[in-house]
Amino acid sequence: MNYLLKISLVLGCLALSSCATVFSGTKQKINVVAVDATTQQPLLDVSCHVTDGTGTYLPVPTNPGTVKVTRTSNGVTPICTKVGYTQKNFGVGSSFNAVTS
């Protein structure tokens, strides 16, 4: 009987740990916008892409634009290029997922 209780507890923990993926999915939308540091306006004719936590290269079709990345514990890296500009920095926001908290 003690053996069945241990098995039940392990299976219950495994089921609950995958709960966030079941409810939230394995993909997440990322919004990307490249702005001029002086004017704070979105740049025209800019090329952007995001590399997600799995190493997948995802082109951003427009600026501002959105891509869907695979959820992982690894970070995402946005890169934007335009002739005459140098990418200085980027900010990655986060959102609260009530299922995982």
N, C-alpha and C. Protein backbone atom coordinates (compact mmCIF):
# COMPACT_ATOMS: atom_id res chain seq x y z
N MET A 1 0.83 -1.20 0.00
CA MET A 1 0.00 0.00 0.00
C MET A 1 0.87 1.26 0.00
N ASN A 2 1.93 1.26 0.78
CA ASN A 2 2.84 2.40 0.84
C ASN A 2 3.47 2.66 -0.53
N TYR A 3 3.75 1.60 -1.28
CA TYR A 3 4.32 1.70 -2.62
C TYR A 3 3.35 2.41 -3.56
N LEU A 4 2.07 2.08 -3.50
CA LEU A 4 1.07 2.72 -4.35
C LEU A 4 0.92 4.20 -4.02
N LEU A 5 1.03 4.54 -2.75
CA LEU A 5 0.94 5.95 -2.34
C LEU A 5 2.10 6.75 -2.93
N LYS A 6 3.31 6.20 -2.89
CA LYS A 6 4.47 6.88 -3.46
C LYS A 6 4.31 7.07 -4.97
N ILE A 7 3.85 6.03 -5.65
CA ILE A 7 3.63 6.11 -7.10
C ILE A 7 2.59 7.19 -7.41
N SER A 8 1.52 7.22 -6.63
CA SER A 8 0.46 8.21 -6.85
C SER A 8 0.98 9.63 -6.65
N LEU A 9 1.80 9.84 -5.62
CA LEU A 9 2.36 11.16 -5.37
C LEU A 9 3.29 11.60 -6.50
N VAL A 10 4.11 10.70 -6.98
CA VAL A 10 5.03 11.03 -8.08
C VAL A 10 4.24 11.37 -9.34
N LEU A 11 3.25 10.56 -9.67
CA LEU A 11 2.44 10.82 -10.86
C LEU A 11 1.66 12.12 -10.73
N GLY A 12 1.17 12.41 -9.53
CA GLY A 12 0.45 13.66 -9.30
C GLY A 12 1.36 14.87 -9.49
N CYS A 13 2.58 14.79 -8.98
CA CYS A 13 3.54 15.90 -9.15
C CYS A 13 3.89 16.10 -10.62
N LEU A 14 4.09 15.01 -11.34
CA LEU A 14 4.40 15.13 -12.77
C LEU A 14 3.25 15.76 -13.53
N ALA A 15 2.04 15.38 -13.20
CA ALA A 15 0.87 15.93 -13.89
C ALA A 15 0.73 17.42 -13.61
N LEU A 16 0.96 17.84 -12.37
CA LEU A 16 0.83 19.25 -12.02
C LEU A 16 1.96 20.09 -12.59
N SER A 17 3.16 19.52 -12.73
CA SER A 17 4.28 20.30 -13.24
C SER A 17 4.12 20.63 -14.72
N SER A 18 3.37 19.84 -15.46
CA SER A 18 3.16 20.13 -16.88
C SER A 18 1.89 20.93 -17.10
N CYS A 19 1.23 21.32 -16.03
CA CYS A 19 -0.04 22.02 -16.10
C CYS A 19 0.07 23.35 -16.85
N ALA A 20 1.13 24.13 -16.62
CA ALA A 20 1.27 25.43 -17.27
C ALA A 20 1.35 25.28 -18.78
N THR A 21 2.06 24.27 -19.25
CA THR A 21 2.17 24.05 -20.69
C THR A 21 0.83 23.67 -21.27
N VAL A 22 0.06 22.87 -20.55
CA VAL A 22 -1.25 22.46 -21.04
C VAL A 22 -2.18 23.66 -21.17
N PHE A 23 -2.19 24.55 -20.17
CA PHE A 23 -3.10 25.69 -20.19
C PHE A 23 -2.58 26.85 -21.04
N SER A 24 -1.27 27.10 -21.01
CA SER A 24 -0.71 28.26 -21.70
C SER A 24 -0.15 27.94 -23.07
N GLY A 25 0.07 26.67 -23.37
CA GLY A 25 0.63 26.28 -24.66
C GLY A 25 2.14 26.30 -24.65
N THR A 26 2.72 25.84 -25.74
CA THR A 26 4.18 25.78 -25.85
C THR A 26 4.74 26.95 -26.64
N LYS A 27 3.89 27.83 -27.13
CA LYS A 27 4.33 29.00 -27.91
C LYS A 27 3.91 30.28 -27.21
N GLN A 28 4.65 31.36 -27.49
CA GLN A 28 4.34 32.67 -26.92
C GLN A 28 4.64 33.73 -27.96
N LYS A 29 3.76 34.74 -28.06
CA LYS A 29 3.98 35.84 -28.99
C LYS A 29 4.95 36.84 -28.38
N ILE A 30 5.88 37.31 -29.20
CA ILE A 30 6.85 38.32 -28.81
C ILE A 30 6.66 39.53 -29.73
N ASN A 31 6.48 40.70 -29.14
CA ASN A 31 6.37 41.94 -29.92
C ASN A 31 7.75 42.56 -30.04
N VAL A 32 8.10 42.98 -31.27
CA VAL A 32 9.40 43.58 -31.54
C VAL A 32 9.18 44.93 -32.21
N VAL A 33 9.90 45.95 -31.74
CA VAL A 33 9.87 47.26 -32.39
C VAL A 33 11.27 47.87 -32.30
N ALA A 34 11.79 48.32 -33.44
CA ALA A 34 13.08 49.01 -33.48
C ALA A 34 12.81 50.50 -33.58
N VAL A 35 13.35 51.27 -32.64
CA VAL A 35 13.09 52.71 -32.60
C VAL A 35 14.39 53.50 -32.71
N ASP A 36 14.28 54.70 -33.24
CA ASP A 36 15.40 55.63 -33.29
C ASP A 36 15.65 56.14 -31.86
N ALA A 37 16.90 56.11 -31.41
CA ALA A 37 17.22 56.50 -30.04
C ALA A 37 16.92 57.97 -29.76
N THR A 38 16.98 58.80 -30.79
CA THR A 38 16.74 60.23 -30.60
C THR A 38 15.26 60.57 -30.63
N THR A 39 14.56 60.07 -31.65
CA THR A 39 13.15 60.45 -31.84
C THR A 39 12.17 59.51 -31.14
N GLN A 40 12.65 58.32 -30.77
CA GLN A 40 11.79 57.28 -30.16
C GLN A 40 10.67 56.84 -31.11
N GLN A 41 10.85 57.04 -32.40
CA GLN A 41 9.88 56.62 -33.41
C GLN A 41 10.34 55.33 -34.06
N PRO A 42 9.40 54.45 -34.46
CA PRO A 42 9.78 53.22 -35.15
C PRO A 42 10.55 53.53 -36.44
N LEU A 43 11.59 52.74 -36.70
CA LEU A 43 12.39 52.91 -37.91
C LEU A 43 11.69 52.30 -39.11
N LEU A 44 11.90 52.89 -40.27
CA LEU A 44 11.41 52.34 -41.53
C LEU A 44 12.54 51.54 -42.18
N ASP A 45 12.19 50.59 -43.03
CA ASP A 45 13.17 49.78 -43.77
C ASP A 45 14.21 49.12 -42.86
N VAL A 46 13.75 48.57 -41.77
CA VAL A 46 14.64 47.88 -40.83
C VAL A 46 14.39 46.37 -40.94
N SER A 47 15.43 45.59 -40.73
CA SER A 47 15.31 44.13 -40.79
C SER A 47 15.53 43.57 -39.38
N CYS A 48 14.53 42.86 -38.87
CA CYS A 48 14.63 42.30 -37.51
C CYS A 48 14.36 40.79 -37.53
N HIS A 49 14.98 40.11 -36.60
CA HIS A 49 14.68 38.70 -36.36
C HIS A 49 14.87 38.41 -34.87
N VAL A 50 14.31 37.30 -34.45
CA VAL A 50 14.43 36.85 -33.06
C VAL A 50 14.97 35.43 -33.09
N THR A 51 15.93 35.14 -32.23
CA THR A 51 16.38 33.77 -32.02
C THR A 51 15.79 33.34 -30.69
N ASP A 52 14.98 32.26 -30.71
CA ASP A 52 14.32 31.84 -29.47
C ASP A 52 15.22 30.92 -28.66
N GLY A 53 14.71 30.45 -27.53
CA GLY A 53 15.48 29.63 -26.61
C GLY A 53 15.92 28.29 -27.16
N THR A 54 15.32 27.86 -28.28
CA THR A 54 15.72 26.60 -28.91
C THR A 54 16.74 26.83 -30.01
N GLY A 55 17.09 28.12 -30.28
CA GLY A 55 18.03 28.44 -31.34
C GLY A 55 17.38 28.66 -32.69
N THR A 56 16.06 28.67 -32.74
CA THR A 56 15.33 28.87 -33.99
C THR A 56 15.37 30.33 -34.41
N TYR A 57 15.70 30.59 -35.68
CA TYR A 57 15.75 31.93 -36.26
C TYR A 57 14.36 32.27 -36.78
N LEU A 58 13.78 33.36 -36.27
CA LEU A 58 12.42 33.75 -36.65
C LEU A 58 12.43 35.18 -37.18
N PRO A 59 12.22 35.37 -38.50
CA PRO A 59 12.18 36.73 -39.03
C PRO A 59 10.94 37.48 -38.56
N VAL A 60 11.11 38.77 -38.28
CA VAL A 60 9.99 39.63 -37.90
C VAL A 60 9.53 40.32 -39.19
N PRO A 61 8.28 40.11 -39.61
CA PRO A 61 7.85 40.58 -40.94
C PRO A 61 7.75 42.09 -41.09
N THR A 62 7.46 42.82 -40.01
CA THR A 62 7.28 44.27 -40.08
C THR A 62 7.89 44.92 -38.85
N ASN A 63 7.97 46.24 -38.86
CA ASN A 63 8.42 46.98 -37.68
C ASN A 63 7.39 48.05 -37.35
N PRO A 64 6.71 47.98 -36.23
CA PRO A 64 6.76 46.90 -35.24
C PRO A 64 6.14 45.61 -35.78
N GLY A 65 6.54 44.51 -35.17
CA GLY A 65 6.05 43.21 -35.61
C GLY A 65 5.96 42.22 -34.47
N THR A 66 5.39 41.06 -34.78
CA THR A 66 5.19 40.02 -33.78
C THR A 66 5.65 38.68 -34.34
N VAL A 67 6.32 37.89 -33.51
CA VAL A 67 6.68 36.52 -33.86
C VAL A 67 6.23 35.60 -32.73
N LYS A 68 6.08 34.34 -33.05
CA LYS A 68 5.68 33.35 -32.05
C LYS A 68 6.89 32.45 -31.77
N VAL A 69 7.33 32.44 -30.51
CA VAL A 69 8.51 31.67 -30.11
C VAL A 69 8.09 30.48 -29.26
N THR A 70 8.96 29.48 -29.21
CA THR A 70 8.75 28.32 -28.36
C THR A 70 9.09 28.69 -26.92
N ARG A 71 8.21 28.33 -25.99
CA ARG A 71 8.46 28.61 -24.57
C ARG A 71 9.57 27.68 -24.06
N THR A 72 10.63 28.27 -23.53
CA THR A 72 11.70 27.52 -22.87
C THR A 72 12.18 28.34 -21.69
N SER A 73 13.07 27.76 -20.91
CA SER A 73 13.66 28.52 -19.81
C SER A 73 14.82 29.38 -20.30
N ASN A 74 15.21 29.20 -21.56
CA ASN A 74 16.28 30.01 -22.14
C ASN A 74 15.71 31.32 -22.67
N GLY A 75 16.56 32.31 -22.84
CA GLY A 75 16.11 33.63 -23.29
C GLY A 75 15.90 33.71 -24.79
N VAL A 76 15.35 34.83 -25.20
CA VAL A 76 15.21 35.14 -26.62
C VAL A 76 16.12 36.32 -26.94
N THR A 77 16.61 36.37 -28.18
CA THR A 77 17.50 37.45 -28.59
C THR A 77 16.96 38.13 -29.83
N PRO A 78 16.52 39.39 -29.71
CA PRO A 78 16.09 40.13 -30.89
C PRO A 78 17.28 40.88 -31.51
N ILE A 79 17.37 40.86 -32.83
CA ILE A 79 18.42 41.57 -33.55
C ILE A 79 17.76 42.37 -34.66
N CYS A 80 18.07 43.67 -34.74
CA CYS A 80 17.55 44.53 -35.80
C CYS A 80 18.72 45.24 -36.48
N THR A 81 18.66 45.34 -37.81
CA THR A 81 19.71 46.01 -38.56
C THR A 81 19.11 47.01 -39.54
N LYS A 82 19.83 48.10 -39.73
CA LYS A 82 19.47 49.12 -40.72
C LYS A 82 20.75 49.87 -41.07
N VAL A 83 20.93 50.15 -42.35
CA VAL A 83 22.11 50.87 -42.80
C VAL A 83 22.18 52.22 -42.07
N GLY A 84 23.35 52.53 -41.51
CA GLY A 84 23.54 53.79 -40.81
C GLY A 84 23.20 53.74 -39.33
N TYR A 85 22.70 52.62 -38.85
CA TYR A 85 22.33 52.48 -37.44
C TYR A 85 23.10 51.32 -36.81
N THR A 86 23.33 51.43 -35.51
CA THR A 86 23.93 50.36 -34.73
C THR A 86 22.98 50.03 -33.59
N GLN A 87 22.73 48.73 -33.40
CA GLN A 87 21.85 48.34 -32.30
C GLN A 87 22.58 48.55 -30.99
N LYS A 88 22.05 49.40 -30.15
CA LYS A 88 22.69 49.72 -28.87
C LYS A 88 22.28 48.76 -27.77
N ASN A 89 21.00 48.51 -27.64
CA ASN A 89 20.52 47.63 -26.58
C ASN A 89 19.12 47.16 -26.93
N PHE A 90 18.64 46.26 -26.13
CA PHE A 90 17.26 45.80 -26.29
C PHE A 90 16.71 45.48 -24.92
N GLY A 91 15.41 45.58 -24.81
CA GLY A 91 14.74 45.24 -23.57
C GLY A 91 13.79 44.10 -23.80
N VAL A 92 13.78 43.17 -22.89
CA VAL A 92 12.87 42.04 -22.99
C VAL A 92 11.93 42.12 -21.80
N GLY A 93 10.65 42.32 -22.07
CA GLY A 93 9.66 42.37 -21.01
C GLY A 93 9.22 40.98 -20.61
N SER A 94 8.53 40.91 -19.52
CA SER A 94 8.00 39.62 -19.09
C SER A 94 6.54 39.81 -18.71
N SER A 95 5.82 38.73 -18.74
CA SER A 95 4.42 38.80 -18.34
C SER A 95 4.16 37.74 -17.28
N PHE A 96 3.16 37.95 -16.47
CA PHE A 96 2.81 37.06 -15.38
C PHE A 96 1.95 35.93 -15.90
N ASN A 97 2.33 34.70 -15.61
CA ASN A 97 1.55 33.53 -15.99
C ASN A 97 1.00 32.92 -14.70
N ALA A 98 -0.27 33.16 -14.42
CA ALA A 98 -0.87 32.73 -13.15
C ALA A 98 -0.83 31.22 -12.97
N VAL A 99 -0.77 30.46 -14.05
CA VAL A 99 -0.76 29.00 -13.95
C VAL A 99 0.54 28.52 -13.34
N THR A 100 1.66 29.20 -13.62
CA THR A 100 2.95 28.72 -13.12
C THR A 100 3.31 29.29 -11.77
N SER A 101 2.54 30.23 -11.25
CA SER A 101 2.90 30.84 -9.97
C SER A 101 2.26 30.12 -8.81
